[in-house]
Protein backbone atom coordinates (compact mmCIF):
# COMPACT_ATOMS: atom_id res chain seq x y z
CA MET A 1 -6.14 35.48 19.95
CA SER A 2 -3.69 36.64 22.59
CA LEU A 3 -2.72 34.77 25.72
CA THR A 4 -3.37 36.09 29.22
CA ASN A 5 -1.48 38.86 30.99
CA MET A 6 1.69 38.06 32.88
CA PRO A 7 4.30 40.15 34.69
CA ALA A 8 6.75 41.33 31.99
CA HIS A 9 9.86 40.59 34.05
CA LEU A 10 9.12 36.85 33.75
CA ILE A 11 9.98 36.70 30.04
CA GLU A 12 13.28 37.11 28.27
CA LYS A 13 12.65 39.75 25.61
CA SER A 14 14.18 42.05 22.97
CA PHE A 15 12.77 45.54 22.41
CA LEU A 16 11.23 46.09 18.97
CA ALA A 17 9.14 49.32 19.00
CA ASP A 18 7.34 51.97 21.05
CA ILE A 19 3.65 52.45 20.33
CA PRO A 20 2.72 56.15 19.86
CA LYS A 21 0.50 57.55 22.63
CA GLU A 22 -2.11 58.55 20.03
CA MET A 23 -2.93 54.83 19.65
CA TYR A 24 -3.99 54.26 23.28
CA ALA A 25 -4.63 57.69 24.81
CA VAL A 26 -6.69 60.79 24.20
CA LYS A 27 -5.15 64.21 23.71
CA VAL A 28 -6.08 66.43 26.64
CA HIS A 29 -4.56 69.70 25.35
CA SER A 30 -1.39 71.36 24.11
CA ALA A 31 0.40 73.45 26.70
CA GLY A 32 2.06 76.65 25.54
CA GLY A 33 1.47 78.35 22.22
CA GLY A 34 0.21 81.46 24.03
CA LYS A 35 -3.34 80.14 23.78
CA SER A 36 -5.65 79.76 26.72
CA HIS A 37 -6.95 76.27 27.21
CA ALA A 38 -9.20 74.29 29.47
CA GLY A 39 -7.66 71.63 31.62
CA PRO A 40 -4.97 71.51 34.29
CA LYS A 41 -3.27 74.73 35.36
CA ARG A 42 -0.10 75.73 33.52
CA SER A 43 3.19 75.15 35.29
CA LEU A 44 5.16 78.14 36.58
CA LEU A 45 7.56 77.93 33.61
CA GLN A 46 4.62 78.32 31.22
CA ARG A 47 3.36 81.52 32.89
CA PRO A 48 4.60 84.70 31.13
CA LEU A 49 5.45 86.72 34.28
CA PHE A 50 7.43 83.88 35.86
CA SER A 51 9.22 83.24 32.56
CA LYS A 52 10.28 86.94 32.40
CA LEU A 53 11.67 86.74 35.93
CA LEU A 54 13.88 83.84 34.83
CA GLY A 55 15.27 85.81 31.89
CA GLY A 56 12.87 84.60 29.21
CA ASN A 57 10.91 86.88 26.89
CA GLY A 58 7.68 86.29 28.80
CA SER A 59 6.09 84.33 26.00
CA ALA A 60 4.48 81.04 26.89
CA ALA A 61 5.01 80.00 23.24
CA GLU A 62 8.47 78.69 24.16
CA VAL A 63 6.92 75.52 25.54
CA GLU A 64 4.82 73.29 23.27
CA VAL A 65 3.87 70.00 24.88
CA ASP A 66 1.08 67.61 23.93
CA ARG A 67 -0.54 66.00 26.93
CA TYR A 68 -2.36 62.68 26.81
CA ARG A 69 -4.58 60.75 29.19
CA GLY A 70 -4.35 56.97 28.91
CA LEU A 71 -7.46 54.88 28.34
CA PRO A 72 -8.55 51.92 30.51
CA SER A 73 -8.44 49.52 27.55
CA ALA A 74 -7.21 49.18 23.99
CA LYS A 75 -7.49 46.57 21.25
CA PHE A 76 -5.06 46.15 18.33
CA ASN A 77 -4.23 44.00 15.36
CA VAL A 78 -0.44 43.81 15.51
CA GLY A 79 2.11 42.02 13.37
CA GLY A 80 5.39 42.22 11.53
CA TRP A 81 8.43 40.40 10.23
CA VAL A 82 10.80 39.79 13.14
CA HIS A 83 14.45 39.35 12.07
CA LEU A 84 16.38 36.84 14.20
CA PRO A 85 19.94 35.51 14.50
CA PHE A 86 20.38 32.48 12.15
CA GLU A 87 21.48 30.14 14.93
CA LEU A 88 18.29 30.56 17.00
CA ARG A 89 16.42 27.27 17.40
CA LYS A 90 13.85 27.90 20.11
CA PRO A 91 10.35 29.42 20.43
CA VAL A 92 9.99 33.17 19.96
CA SER A 93 6.91 35.32 20.43
CA LEU A 94 5.49 38.72 19.62
CA CYS A 95 4.66 40.40 22.93
CA VAL A 96 2.81 43.58 23.78
CA VAL A 97 4.18 45.04 27.02
CA TYR A 98 2.16 47.75 28.74
CA VAL A 99 2.43 49.74 31.95
CA ASP A 100 -0.59 50.48 34.11
CA ARG A 101 -1.26 51.04 37.82
CA SER A 102 -0.31 47.41 38.61
CA GLY A 103 3.10 47.69 36.90
CA GLU A 104 4.58 46.29 33.70
CA ASN A 105 2.59 43.46 32.10
CA ALA A 106 3.02 41.40 28.93
CA ILE A 107 0.56 39.75 26.59
CA ILE A 108 1.83 37.16 24.09
CA VAL A 109 0.25 37.84 20.70
CA GLU A 110 1.69 34.82 18.85
CA GLU A 111 4.48 32.30 19.40
CA MET A 112 6.36 30.04 16.98
CA GLU A 113 9.47 27.86 16.79
CA ALA A 114 12.34 29.79 15.11
CA ARG A 115 14.06 26.65 13.69
CA GLY A 116 17.06 28.65 12.48
CA ALA A 117 14.97 31.01 10.32
CA SER A 118 16.35 34.50 9.76
CA GLN A 119 12.87 36.02 9.97
CA VAL A 120 9.40 35.02 11.15
CA LEU A 121 6.00 36.61 10.60
CA LEU A 122 4.19 36.99 13.90
CA SER A 123 0.74 38.57 14.15
CA GLY A 124 -2.54 38.53 16.02
CA THR A 125 -5.11 40.52 17.91
CA VAL A 126 -4.46 41.73 21.44
CA GLU A 127 -6.80 43.38 23.91
CA ILE A 128 -5.46 45.24 26.91
CA VAL A 129 -7.77 45.75 29.88
CA ALA A 130 -5.66 47.78 32.26
CA THR A 131 -5.76 48.28 36.00
CA GLY A 132 -6.35 52.01 35.97
CA LEU A 133 -5.15 53.74 32.81
CA ILE A 134 -2.63 52.58 30.21
CA GLN A 135 0.59 54.60 30.66
CA SER A 136 2.74 53.14 27.86
CA ILE A 137 2.81 50.30 25.33
CA GLN A 138 5.82 48.67 23.66
CA ILE A 139 6.35 45.72 21.32
CA TYR A 140 8.93 43.05 22.18
CA CYS A 141 10.15 39.75 20.79
CA GLY A 142 9.82 37.24 23.63
CA GLY A 143 12.12 34.27 24.12
CA ILE A 144 15.37 36.05 23.24
CA ASN A 145 17.35 38.99 24.59
CA ASP A 146 19.61 39.94 21.67
CA SER A 147 20.35 43.36 20.15
CA ARG A 148 20.36 41.83 16.63
CA VAL A 149 16.60 41.19 16.83
CA HIS A 150 14.51 43.85 15.07
CA ILE A 151 11.17 44.22 13.33
CA ILE A 152 10.45 45.18 9.73
CA ASP A 153 7.05 46.35 8.46
CA LEU A 154 5.38 46.64 11.85
CA HIS A 155 1.62 46.68 11.33
CA LEU A 156 -0.55 48.22 14.03
CA GLN A 157 -4.28 48.80 13.67
CA LYS A 158 -6.40 50.13 16.51
CA LEU A 159 -9.72 48.30 16.86
CA ALA A 160 -12.91 49.43 18.57
CA VAL A 161 -13.25 48.34 22.18
CA THR A 162 -16.69 47.13 23.21
CA ASN A 163 -18.58 48.75 26.08
CA GLU A 164 -18.84 45.46 28.00
CA ASN A 165 -15.03 45.34 28.25
CA LEU A 166 -14.95 48.89 29.60
CA ALA A 167 -17.56 47.93 32.21
CA LEU A 168 -15.16 45.28 33.55
CA VAL A 169 -12.59 47.92 34.54
CA SER A 170 -15.03 50.45 36.02
């Protein structure tokens, strides 16, 4: 099970991967494509008449953007083989870093002593209960800030979030 939230700037970390928005947000609509859609109004650049005035062909199909709305919570199984420098002999961790209304926060999924190993398998379950909505999620290796650190075979599985957890953030 994951450890508690902490401000992300407190840990030394190496970036491993971005989590796709589809894993923690719902698709609101696709802008453009010449199709009418429910949802927020189109920007001026997406309106045919305004586009013609700027020298475009007047087609809103030039702009195709998927829009997502973050959710207040998310739960994942996450894991992977983290490749490390051989000389590393200190604890490292798999961290999920997310941004919400309160700022950038980190949750440690699992931690282990590197002991000079070239790779370690780190995995666990993490549940994010955000302040407001989740804006972005990334995976980091905590305990080291080194460009040679990378992840192989990242496993990410979205799990169902219970209603009682959602009630906590309402």
